[in-house]
């Protein structure tokens, strides 16, 4: 089975999603349950045990679409990242932004996928990639 067939959008929150994202949610579960169930963010199951939450935002000044990687937990992060970058290139999305509290993920995004640090604060680092 190729990777694309392993990515499935899930339209409502579930106990399985809560368990699959338990570490990545880091206290933000109520916010993401609300966003997913109200169509603000999209929940994806990847393969048997990986999960992601993505959101599309519009920049006020330019009207450009930005794909925001909210959280990810599981395996196949590289494949999922490449899959999302390719999908963004085929649409009207101009930038991908990833928020992370984990420096290792950030180094990986910068070194392997060409992201750069857009902002740092005391809670997280925000990485971005123009597509």
C-alpha atoms as a PDB file:
ATOM      1  CA  UNK A   1       0.000   0.000   0.000  1.00  0.00           C
ATOM      2  CA  UNK A   2       1.455   3.376  -0.957  1.00  0.00           C
ATOM      3  CA  UNK A   3       1.630   6.209   1.547  1.00  0.00           C
ATOM      4  CA  UNK A   4      -1.144   8.324  -0.021  1.00  0.00           C
ATOM      5  CA  UNK A   5      -3.711   5.610   0.628  1.00  0.00           C
ATOM      6  CA  UNK A   6      -2.713   5.539   4.308  1.00  0.00           C
ATOM      7  CA  UNK A   7      -3.739   9.184   4.909  1.00  0.00           C
ATOM      8  CA  UNK A   8      -7.398   9.383   5.910  1.00  0.00           C
ATOM      9  CA  UNK A   9      -9.241  12.529   6.992  1.00  0.00           C
ATOM     10  CA  UNK A  10     -11.405  11.937  10.061  1.00  0.00           C
ATOM     11  CA  UNK A  11     -14.303  14.364  10.404  1.00  0.00           C
ATOM     12  CA  UNK A  12     -15.168  14.046  14.089  1.00  0.00           C
ATOM     13  CA  UNK A  13     -13.081  13.611  17.220  1.00  0.00           C
ATOM     14  CA  UNK A  14     -12.912  10.159  18.796  1.00  0.00           C
ATOM     15  CA  UNK A  15     -11.412   8.356  21.781  1.00  0.00           C
ATOM     16  CA  UNK A  16      -8.952   6.803  19.334  1.00  0.00           C
ATOM     17  CA  UNK A  17      -7.787  10.288  18.261  1.00  0.00           C
ATOM     18  CA  UNK A  18      -7.405  11.354  21.904  1.00  0.00           C
ATOM     19  CA  UNK A  19      -5.233   8.315  22.589  1.00  0.00           C
ATOM     20  CA  UNK A  20      -3.284   8.724  19.350  1.00  0.00           C
ATOM     21  CA  UNK A  21      -2.473  12.387  20.048  1.00  0.00           C
ATOM     22  CA  UNK A  22      -2.187  12.185  23.840  1.00  0.00           C
ATOM     23  CA  UNK A  23       1.399  13.463  24.004  1.00  0.00           C
ATOM     24  CA  UNK A  24       1.219  15.941  21.107  1.00  0.00           C
ATOM     25  CA  UNK A  25      -1.888  17.710  22.441  1.00  0.00           C
ATOM     26  CA  UNK A  26       0.064  18.889  25.484  1.00  0.00           C
ATOM     27  CA  UNK A  27      -2.948  20.273  27.360  1.00  0.00           C
ATOM     28  CA  UNK A  28      -4.731  21.663  24.290  1.00  0.00           C
ATOM     29  CA  UNK A  29      -7.165  18.788  23.774  1.00  0.00           C
ATOM     30  CA  UNK A  30     -10.356  20.827  24.397  1.00  0.00           C
ATOM     31  CA  UNK A  31      -9.272  23.456  21.851  1.00  0.00           C
ATOM     32  CA  UNK A  32      -8.535  20.881  19.151  1.00  0.00           C
ATOM     33  CA  UNK A  33     -11.674  18.847  19.793  1.00  0.00           C
ATOM     34  CA  UNK A  34     -13.659  22.044  19.265  1.00  0.00           C
ATOM     35  CA  UNK A  35     -11.713  23.026  16.132  1.00  0.00           C
ATOM     36  CA  UNK A  36     -12.000  19.571  14.530  1.00  0.00           C
ATOM     37  CA  UNK A  37     -15.678  19.074  15.362  1.00  0.00           C
ATOM     38  CA  UNK A  38     -16.529  22.557  14.046  1.00  0.00           C
ATOM     39  CA  UNK A  39     -14.526  22.229  10.819  1.00  0.00           C
ATOM     40  CA  UNK A  40     -11.883  24.799  11.776  1.00  0.00           C
ATOM     41  CA  UNK A  41      -9.086  22.194  11.819  1.00  0.00           C
ATOM     42  CA  UNK A  42      -8.763  18.853  10.080  1.00  0.00           C
ATOM     43  CA  UNK A  43      -7.906  15.588  11.808  1.00  0.00           C
ATOM     44  CA  UNK A  44      -5.958  12.925   9.909  1.00  0.00           C
ATOM     45  CA  UNK A  45      -5.162   9.331  10.706  1.00  0.00           C
ATOM     46  CA  UNK A  46      -2.030   8.071   8.977  1.00  0.00           C
ATOM     47  CA  UNK A  47      -1.595   4.332   8.779  1.00  0.00           C
ATOM     48  CA  UNK A  48      -2.367   2.360  11.900  1.00  0.00           C
ATOM     49  CA  UNK A  49      -1.085   4.608  14.675  1.00  0.00           C
ATOM     50  CA  UNK A  50      -0.179   8.115  13.499  1.00  0.00           C
ATOM     51  CA  UNK A  51      -2.314  11.225  13.809  1.00  0.00           C
ATOM     52  CA  UNK A  52      -2.127  14.861  12.688  1.00  0.00           C
ATOM     53  CA  UNK A  53      -4.166  18.030  13.060  1.00  0.00           C
ATOM     54  CA  UNK A  54      -3.910  20.660  10.324  1.00  0.00           C
ATOM     55  CA  UNK A  55      -5.637  23.996   9.861  1.00  0.00           C
ATOM     56  CA  UNK A  56      -5.835  26.406   6.929  1.00  0.00           C
ATOM     57  CA  UNK A  57      -5.640  30.122   7.711  1.00  0.00           C
ATOM     58  CA  UNK A  58      -5.891  33.207   5.513  1.00  0.00           C
ATOM     59  CA  UNK A  59      -3.400  36.036   5.952  1.00  0.00           C
ATOM     60  CA  UNK A  60      -5.325  39.271   6.471  1.00  0.00           C
ATOM     61  CA  UNK A  61      -2.879  41.554   4.617  1.00  0.00           C
ATOM     62  CA  UNK A  62      -2.414  39.419   1.508  1.00  0.00           C
ATOM     63  CA  UNK A  63      -5.296  36.937   1.468  1.00  0.00           C
ATOM     64  CA  UNK A  64      -2.782  34.107   0.993  1.00  0.00           C
ATOM     65  CA  UNK A  65      -3.596  30.676   2.372  1.00  0.00           C
ATOM     66  CA  UNK A  66      -1.327  29.158   5.017  1.00  0.00           C
ATOM     67  CA  UNK A  67      -1.375  25.516   6.038  1.00  0.00           C
ATOM     68  CA  UNK A  68      -0.710  25.219   9.775  1.00  0.00           C
ATOM     69  CA  UNK A  69       0.638  21.983  11.233  1.00  0.00           C
ATOM     70  CA  UNK A  70      -0.909  22.007  14.703  1.00  0.00           C
ATOM     71  CA  UNK A  71       0.317  18.660  16.016  1.00  0.00           C
ATOM     72  CA  UNK A  72       1.521  15.231  14.943  1.00  0.00           C
ATOM     73  CA  UNK A  73       2.113  12.023  16.825  1.00  0.00           C
ATOM     74  CA  UNK A  74       3.280   8.677  15.534  1.00  0.00           C
ATOM     75  CA  UNK A  75       5.454   7.340  12.755  1.00  0.00           C
ATOM     76  CA  UNK A  76       6.004   8.388   9.129  1.00  0.00           C
ATOM     77  CA  UNK A  77       6.510  12.097   9.921  1.00  0.00           C
ATOM     78  CA  UNK A  78       8.860  12.530   6.958  1.00  0.00           C
ATOM     79  CA  UNK A  79       6.463  10.872   4.507  1.00  0.00           C
ATOM     80  CA  UNK A  80       3.505  12.854   5.853  1.00  0.00           C
ATOM     81  CA  UNK A  81       5.470  16.112   5.667  1.00  0.00           C
ATOM     82  CA  UNK A  82       6.447  15.469   2.053  1.00  0.00           C
ATOM     83  CA  UNK A  83       2.856  14.460   1.237  1.00  0.00           C
ATOM     84  CA  UNK A  84       1.508  17.718   2.720  1.00  0.00           C
ATOM     85  CA  UNK A  85       4.137  19.845   0.944  1.00  0.00           C
ATOM     86  CA  UNK A  86       3.229  18.255  -2.404  1.00  0.00           C
ATOM     87  CA  UNK A  87      -0.501  18.779  -1.785  1.00  0.00           C
ATOM     88  CA  UNK A  88       0.146  22.424  -0.868  1.00  0.00           C
ATOM     89  CA  UNK A  89       2.079  22.960  -4.109  1.00  0.00           C
ATOM     90  CA  UNK A  90      -0.898  21.639  -6.105  1.00  0.00           C
ATOM     91  CA  UNK A  91      -3.318  24.055  -4.428  1.00  0.00           C
ATOM     92  CA  UNK A  92      -3.404  27.764  -3.677  1.00  0.00           C
ATOM     93  CA  UNK A  93      -1.466  27.400  -0.421  1.00  0.00           C
ATOM     94  CA  UNK A  94       1.571  29.688  -0.360  1.00  0.00           C
ATOM     95  CA  UNK A  95       3.115  28.803   2.998  1.00  0.00           C
ATOM     96  CA  UNK A  96       3.253  26.011   5.554  1.00  0.00           C
ATOM     97  CA  UNK A  97       3.716  26.901   9.215  1.00  0.00           C
ATOM     98  CA  UNK A  98       4.530  24.442  11.992  1.00  0.00           C
ATOM     99  CA  UNK A  99       4.396  25.194  15.709  1.00  0.00           C
ATOM    100  CA  UNK A 100       6.613  23.037  17.918  1.00  0.00           C
ATOM    101  CA  UNK A 101       7.823  22.930  21.495  1.00  0.00           C
ATOM    102  CA  UNK A 102      10.388  20.277  20.577  1.00  0.00           C
ATOM    103  CA  UNK A 103      13.774  21.540  19.320  1.00  0.00           C
ATOM    104  CA  UNK A 104      14.538  18.177  17.715  1.00  0.00           C
ATOM    105  CA  UNK A 105      11.500  18.460  15.444  1.00  0.00           C
ATOM    106  CA  UNK A 106      12.585  21.974  14.530  1.00  0.00           C
ATOM    107  CA  UNK A 107      16.101  20.903  13.601  1.00  0.00           C
ATOM    108  CA  UNK A 108      14.620  18.120  11.527  1.00  0.00           C
ATOM    109  CA  UNK A 109      12.242  20.521   9.696  1.00  0.00           C
ATOM    110  CA  UNK A 110      15.090  22.945   8.958  1.00  0.00           C
ATOM    111  CA  UNK A 111      17.696  20.359   7.968  1.00  0.00           C
ATOM    112  CA  UNK A 112      15.498  17.951   5.998  1.00  0.00           C
ATOM    113  CA  UNK A 113      12.692  20.012   4.491  1.00  0.00           C
ATOM    114  CA  UNK A 114      14.023  23.561   4.179  1.00  0.00           C
ATOM    115  CA  UNK A 115      11.859  25.236   6.818  1.00  0.00           C
ATOM    116  CA  UNK A 116      13.248  28.277   8.618  1.00  0.00           C
ATOM    117  CA  UNK A 117      12.572  29.739  12.049  1.00  0.00           C
ATOM    118  CA  UNK A 118       9.889  32.399  11.707  1.00  0.00           C
ATOM    119  CA  UNK A 119       9.399  33.191  15.389  1.00  0.00           C
ATOM    120  CA  UNK A 120      10.534  32.047  18.827  1.00  0.00           C
ATOM    121  CA  UNK A 121       8.848  32.700  22.138  1.00  0.00           C
ATOM    122  CA  UNK A 122       9.084  31.154  25.580  1.00  0.00           C
ATOM    123  CA  UNK A 123       6.447  28.509  24.751  1.00  0.00           C
ATOM    124  CA  UNK A 124       7.262  27.356  21.212  1.00  0.00           C
ATOM    125  CA  UNK A 125       9.126  27.925  17.988  1.00  0.00           C
ATOM    126  CA  UNK A 126       7.284  28.603  14.744  1.00  0.00           C
ATOM    127  CA  UNK A 127       8.796  27.296  11.519  1.00  0.00           C
ATOM    128  CA  UNK A 128       7.694  28.250   8.033  1.00  0.00           C
ATOM    129  CA  UNK A 129       8.212  27.083   4.483  1.00  0.00           C
ATOM    130  CA  UNK A 130       7.203  28.960   1.312  1.00  0.00           C
ATOM    131  CA  UNK A 131       5.712  26.614  -1.259  1.00  0.00           C
END
